[in-house]
C-alpha atoms as a PDB file:
ATOM      1  CA  MET A   1     166.608  77.265 148.478  1.00  0.00           C
ATOM      2  CA  SER A   2     164.664  79.932 150.611  1.00  0.00           C
ATOM      3  CA  THR A   3     161.469  79.652 152.380  1.00  0.00           C
ATOM      4  CA  VAL A   4     158.385  81.792 152.912  1.00  0.00           C
ATOM      5  CA  SER A   5     155.887  81.697 155.561  1.00  0.00           C
ATOM      6  CA  TYR A   6     152.379  82.920 156.553  1.00  0.00           C
ATOM      7  CA  PRO A   7     151.718  85.229 158.464  1.00  0.00           C
ATOM      8  CA  SER A   8     154.812  87.245 157.494  1.00  0.00           C
ATOM      9  CA  GLU A   9     155.583  90.799 156.213  1.00  0.00           C
ATOM     10  CA  THR A  10     154.959  89.667 152.618  1.00  0.00           C
ATOM     11  CA  PHE A  11     151.733  87.575 153.586  1.00  0.00           C
ATOM     12  CA  PRO A  12     150.201  89.387 156.419  1.00  0.00           C
ATOM     13  CA  GLY A  13     147.618  87.363 158.391  1.00  0.00           C
ATOM     14  CA  TYR A  14     143.975  88.429 158.906  1.00  0.00           C
ATOM     15  CA  PRO A  15     143.306  90.863 161.585  1.00  0.00           C
ATOM     16  CA  ARG A  16     142.000  89.617 165.049  1.00  0.00           C
ATOM     17  CA  VAL A  17     138.342  89.819 165.432  1.00  0.00           C
ATOM     18  CA  THR A  18     136.562  89.465 168.528  1.00  0.00           C
ATOM     19  CA  MET A  19     132.603  89.523 169.263  1.00  0.00           C
ATOM     20  CA  ASP A  20     130.266  89.331 172.262  1.00  0.00           C
ATOM     21  CA  CYS A  21     128.904  85.838 172.998  1.00  0.00           C
ATOM     22  CA  PRO A  22     125.672  86.444 174.928  1.00  0.00           C
ATOM     23  CA  ASP A  23     124.443  84.158 177.416  1.00  0.00           C
ATOM     24  CA  GLY A  24     122.515  81.247 175.817  1.00  0.00           C
ATOM     25  CA  TRP A  25     124.885  81.297 172.760  1.00  0.00           C
ATOM     26  CA  SER A  26     128.354  79.278 172.344  1.00  0.00           C
ATOM     27  CA  ALA A  27     131.236  79.108 170.107  1.00  0.00           C
ATOM     28  CA  HIS A  28     130.502  76.985 167.175  1.00  0.00           C
ATOM     29  CA  PRO A  29     133.788  76.295 164.933  1.00  0.00           C
ATOM     30  CA  ILE A  30     132.731  75.639 161.187  1.00  0.00           C
ATOM     31  CA  PRO A  31     134.861  75.135 158.132  1.00  0.00           C
ATOM     32  CA  GLN A  32     136.073  78.316 156.352  1.00  0.00           C
ATOM     33  CA  ALA A  33     134.737  80.626 158.997  1.00  0.00           C
ATOM     34  CA  GLN A  34     137.284  82.460 161.359  1.00  0.00           C
ATOM     35  CA  LEU A  35     134.532  83.028 164.132  1.00  0.00           C
ATOM     36  CA  ALA A  36     131.032  81.606 164.831  1.00  0.00           C
ATOM     37  CA  ILE A  37     128.699  81.475 167.373  1.00  0.00           C
ATOM     38  CA  ARG A  38     125.136  80.027 167.754  1.00  0.00           C
ATOM     39  CA  GLN A  39     122.236  80.073 170.240  1.00  0.00           C
ATOM     40  CA  GLU A  40     121.401  77.043 172.121  1.00  0.00           C
ATOM     41  CA  ARG A  41     118.114  75.638 171.178  1.00  0.00           C
ATOM     42  CA  PRO A  42     116.309  72.215 171.637  1.00  0.00           C
ATOM     43  CA  ALA A  43     117.200  69.478 169.257  1.00  0.00           C
ATOM     44  CA  GLY A  44     115.470  70.106 165.879  1.00  0.00           C
ATOM     45  CA  GLU A  45     114.795  73.685 166.289  1.00  0.00           C
ATOM     46  CA  PHE A  46     116.850  76.061 163.879  1.00  0.00           C
ATOM     47  CA  ARG A  47     119.853  77.607 165.694  1.00  0.00           C
ATOM     48  CA  PRO A  48     120.467  81.340 165.143  1.00  0.00           C
ATOM     49  CA  ASN A  49     123.842  82.043 164.508  1.00  0.00           C
ATOM     50  CA  VAL A  50     126.588  84.850 163.927  1.00  0.00           C
ATOM     51  CA  VAL A  51     129.516  83.810 161.284  1.00  0.00           C
ATOM     52  CA  VAL A  52     132.494  86.028 160.552  1.00  0.00           C
ATOM     53  CA  VAL A  53     134.307  85.144 157.317  1.00  0.00           C
ATOM     54  CA  MET A  54     137.376  86.892 155.977  1.00  0.00           C
ATOM     55  CA  GLN A  55     139.148  86.935 152.721  1.00  0.00           C
ATOM     56  CA  ARG A  56     141.856  88.919 151.150  1.00  0.00           C
ATOM     57  CA  LEU A  57     140.656  91.229 148.308  1.00  0.00           C
ATOM     58  CA  ARG A  58     142.167  91.852 144.802  1.00  0.00           C
ATOM     59  CA  PRO A  59     143.504  95.435 144.673  1.00  0.00           C
ATOM     60  CA  GLU A  60     141.066  96.230 141.755  1.00  0.00           C
ATOM     61  CA  GLN A  61     138.078  95.130 144.007  1.00  0.00           C
ATOM     62  CA  THR A  62     136.089  98.210 145.325  1.00  0.00           C
ATOM     63  CA  PHE A  63     133.895  98.249 148.452  1.00  0.00           C
ATOM     64  CA  GLU A  64     131.020  98.911 146.259  1.00  0.00           C
ATOM     65  CA  ASP A  65     131.877  95.512 144.265  1.00  0.00           C
ATOM     66  CA  VAL A  66     132.116  93.300 147.370  1.00  0.00           C
ATOM     67  CA  VAL A  67     128.811  94.739 148.788  1.00  0.00           C
ATOM     68  CA  GLN A  68     127.033  94.195 145.229  1.00  0.00           C
ATOM     69  CA  GLN A  69     128.476  90.473 144.983  1.00  0.00           C
ATOM     70  CA  ALA A  70     127.184  89.711 148.490  1.00  0.00           C
ATOM     71  CA  ALA A  71     123.762  91.056 147.577  1.00  0.00           C
ATOM     72  CA  ASP A  72     123.742  89.220 144.390  1.00  0.00           C
ATOM     73  CA  LYS A  73     124.628  85.937 146.132  1.00  0.00           C
ATOM     74  CA  LEU A  74     121.648  86.482 148.475  1.00  0.00           C
ATOM     75  CA  ALA A  75     119.337  87.369 145.616  1.00  0.00           C
ATOM     76  CA  ALA A  76     120.202  84.190 144.052  1.00  0.00           C
ATOM     77  CA  SER A  77     118.090  82.218 146.827  1.00  0.00           C
ATOM     78  CA  PRO A  78     114.967  81.192 145.636  1.00  0.00           C
ATOM     79  CA  GLY A  79     112.265  83.654 146.712  1.00  0.00           C
ATOM     80  CA  TYR A  80     114.852  86.009 148.385  1.00  0.00           C
ATOM     81  CA  GLU A  81     113.439  89.357 149.235  1.00  0.00           C
ATOM     82  CA  GLU A  82     115.878  92.141 150.359  1.00  0.00           C
ATOM     83  CA  VAL A  83     114.258  93.910 153.427  1.00  0.00           C
ATOM     84  CA  GLY A  84     117.043  96.760 153.539  1.00  0.00           C
ATOM     85  CA  ARG A  85     120.311  97.855 152.685  1.00  0.00           C
ATOM     86  CA  THR A  86     122.097 100.748 154.525  1.00  0.00           C
ATOM     87  CA  LYS A  87     125.501 102.178 155.209  1.00  0.00           C
ATOM     88  CA  THR A  88     126.865 101.544 158.481  1.00  0.00           C
ATOM     89  CA  THR A  89     129.826 100.771 160.432  1.00  0.00           C
ATOM     90  CA  LEU A  90     131.929  97.594 161.651  1.00  0.00           C
ATOM     91  CA  ALA A  91     134.243  98.079 164.095  1.00  0.00           C
ATOM     92  CA  GLY A  92     134.784 101.708 163.165  1.00  0.00           C
ATOM     93  CA  ALA A  93     135.254 101.126 159.559  1.00  0.00           C
ATOM     94  CA  PRO A  94     132.706 102.034 156.968  1.00  0.00           C
ATOM     95  CA  ALA A  95     130.302  99.017 156.350  1.00  0.00           C
ATOM     96  CA  ALA A  96     127.164  98.061 154.617  1.00  0.00           C
ATOM     97  CA  ARG A  97     124.177  96.382 155.949  1.00  0.00           C
ATOM     98  CA  VAL A  98     122.109  93.836 153.564  1.00  0.00           C
ATOM     99  CA  GLU A  99     119.186  92.032 155.297  1.00  0.00           C
ATOM    100  CA  GLY A 100     116.622  89.858 153.606  1.00  0.00           C
ATOM    101  CA  ALA A 101     114.594  86.629 153.816  1.00  0.00           C
ATOM    102  CA  TRP A 102     113.847  83.568 151.741  1.00  0.00           C
ATOM    103  CA  THR A 103     112.011  80.352 152.186  1.00  0.00           C
ATOM    104  CA  THR A 104     113.242  76.821 152.134  1.00  0.00           C
ATOM    105  CA  GLU A 105     111.478  73.613 152.148  1.00  0.00           C
ATOM    106  CA  GLN A 106     113.747  72.191 154.884  1.00  0.00           C
ATOM    107  CA  THR A 107     113.435  75.166 157.530  1.00  0.00           C
ATOM    108  CA  GLY A 108     110.749  77.516 156.189  1.00  0.00           C
ATOM    109  CA  THR A 109     111.847  81.222 156.180  1.00  0.00           C
ATOM    110  CA  ILE A 110     115.317  82.173 156.880  1.00  0.00           C
ATOM    111  CA  ALA A 111     116.085  85.644 157.713  1.00  0.00           C
ATOM    112  CA  GLN A 112     119.616  87.067 157.174  1.00  0.00           C
ATOM    113  CA  ALA A 113     121.566  90.264 158.256  1.00  0.00           C
ATOM    114  CA  LEU A 114     124.958  90.818 156.531  1.00  0.00           C
ATOM    115  CA  ARG A 115     127.221  93.370 157.529  1.00  0.00           C
ATOM    116  CA  ILE A 116     130.343  94.029 155.335  1.00  0.00           C
ATOM    117  CA  ALA A 117     133.560  95.834 155.835  1.00  0.00           C
ATOM    118  CA  VAL A 118     136.956  96.212 154.133  1.00  0.00           C
ATOM    119  CA  ILE A 119     139.838  96.503 156.529  1.00  0.00           C
ATOM    120  CA  GLU A 120     143.087  97.679 155.039  1.00  0.00           C
ATOM    121  CA  HIS A 121     146.347  96.768 156.914  1.00  0.00           C
ATOM    122  CA  ASP A 122     149.889  96.102 156.254  1.00  0.00           C
ATOM    123  CA  GLY A 123     149.497  96.850 152.717  1.00  0.00           C
ATOM    124  CA  VAL A 124     146.353  94.539 151.988  1.00  0.00           C
ATOM    125  CA  ARG A 125     142.608  94.758 152.159  1.00  0.00           C
ATOM    126  CA  ASP A 126     140.786  92.068 153.764  1.00  0.00           C
ATOM    127  CA  LEU A 127     136.882  91.744 153.571  1.00  0.00           C
ATOM    128  CA  VAL A 128     135.070  91.000 156.823  1.00  0.00           C
ATOM    129  CA  GLU A 129     131.619  89.501 156.502  1.00  0.00           C
ATOM    130  CA  VAL A 130     129.533  89.148 159.555  1.00  0.00           C
ATOM    131  CA  THR A 131     126.333  87.049 158.961  1.00  0.00           C
ATOM    132  CA  GLY A 132     123.479  86.689 161.294  1.00  0.00           C
ATOM    133  CA  THR A 133     121.031  83.976 160.500  1.00  0.00           C
ATOM    134  CA  CYS A 134     117.536  82.657 162.161  1.00  0.00           C
ATOM    135  CA  ALA A 135     114.571  81.069 161.226  1.00  0.00           C
ATOM    136  CA  GLY A 136     111.601  83.562 160.271  1.00  0.00           C
ATOM    137  CA  GLY A 137     109.621  82.714 163.384  1.00  0.00           C
ATOM    138  CA  GLN A 138     112.487  83.522 165.522  1.00  0.00           C
ATOM    139  CA  ALA A 139     113.345  86.918 164.081  1.00  0.00           C
ATOM    140  CA  THR A 140     111.056  89.116 166.513  1.00  0.00           C
ATOM    141  CA  ASP A 141     112.949  87.571 169.593  1.00  0.00           C
ATOM    142  CA  VAL A 142     116.485  87.114 168.074  1.00  0.00           C
ATOM    143  CA  TRP A 143     117.140  89.942 165.542  1.00  0.00           C
ATOM    144  CA  PRO A 144     117.873  92.505 168.126  1.00  0.00           C
ATOM    145  CA  THR A 145     120.450  90.150 169.667  1.00  0.00           C
ATOM    146  CA  ILE A 146     121.956  89.375 166.163  1.00  0.00           C
ATOM    147  CA  ARG A 147     122.422  92.831 165.493  1.00  0.00           C
ATOM    148  CA  ALA A 148     123.910  93.645 168.796  1.00  0.00           C
ATOM    149  CA  ILE A 149     126.549  90.737 168.431  1.00  0.00           C
ATOM    150  CA  GLN A 150     127.254  92.630 165.094  1.00  0.00           C
ATOM    151  CA  ASP A 151     127.719  95.823 166.784  1.00  0.00           C
ATOM    152  CA  SER A 152     129.893  94.320 169.245  1.00  0.00           C
ATOM    153  CA  ILE A 153     132.635  93.141 166.596  1.00  0.00           C
ATOM    154  CA  SER A 154     136.042  94.503 167.183  1.00  0.00           C
ATOM    155  CA  VAL A 155     138.882  94.307 164.688  1.00  0.00           C
ATOM    156  CA  ASP A 156     142.552  94.687 165.538  1.00  0.00           C
ATOM    157  CA  ALA A 157     144.599  94.804 162.313  1.00  0.00           C
END
């Protein structure tokens, strides 16, 4: 009998990701996210957050495919309006930014900034999604911070 392990040469681990955590923000572990922080707010207020999620891509998936899939997922939110989509970078890798907003009964308007990159390493390709979210009324004050946190991302594959 033999064994296999993760991470290993056959099953490489995800890249190491770091990001700035500004004053007034703190680590916030959540299921299925490799990294997450949120802004401290009084109880009952929406807490702006930035969440990093990674997943291994299939060989046939293209960067354009994953950007479109992410945009389609956002567009499925009731009342979603895309504010902008542009090419950018994430940790020096080509990336896309998709930004938009929608409204929910519980929290009102939700604004979201998604930055997506594909990181190639060790013979595999990993999707790195960095999602910043805040309530619509917080966007004027928080949006520059969310973008700065996204700009601070570093990835060591």
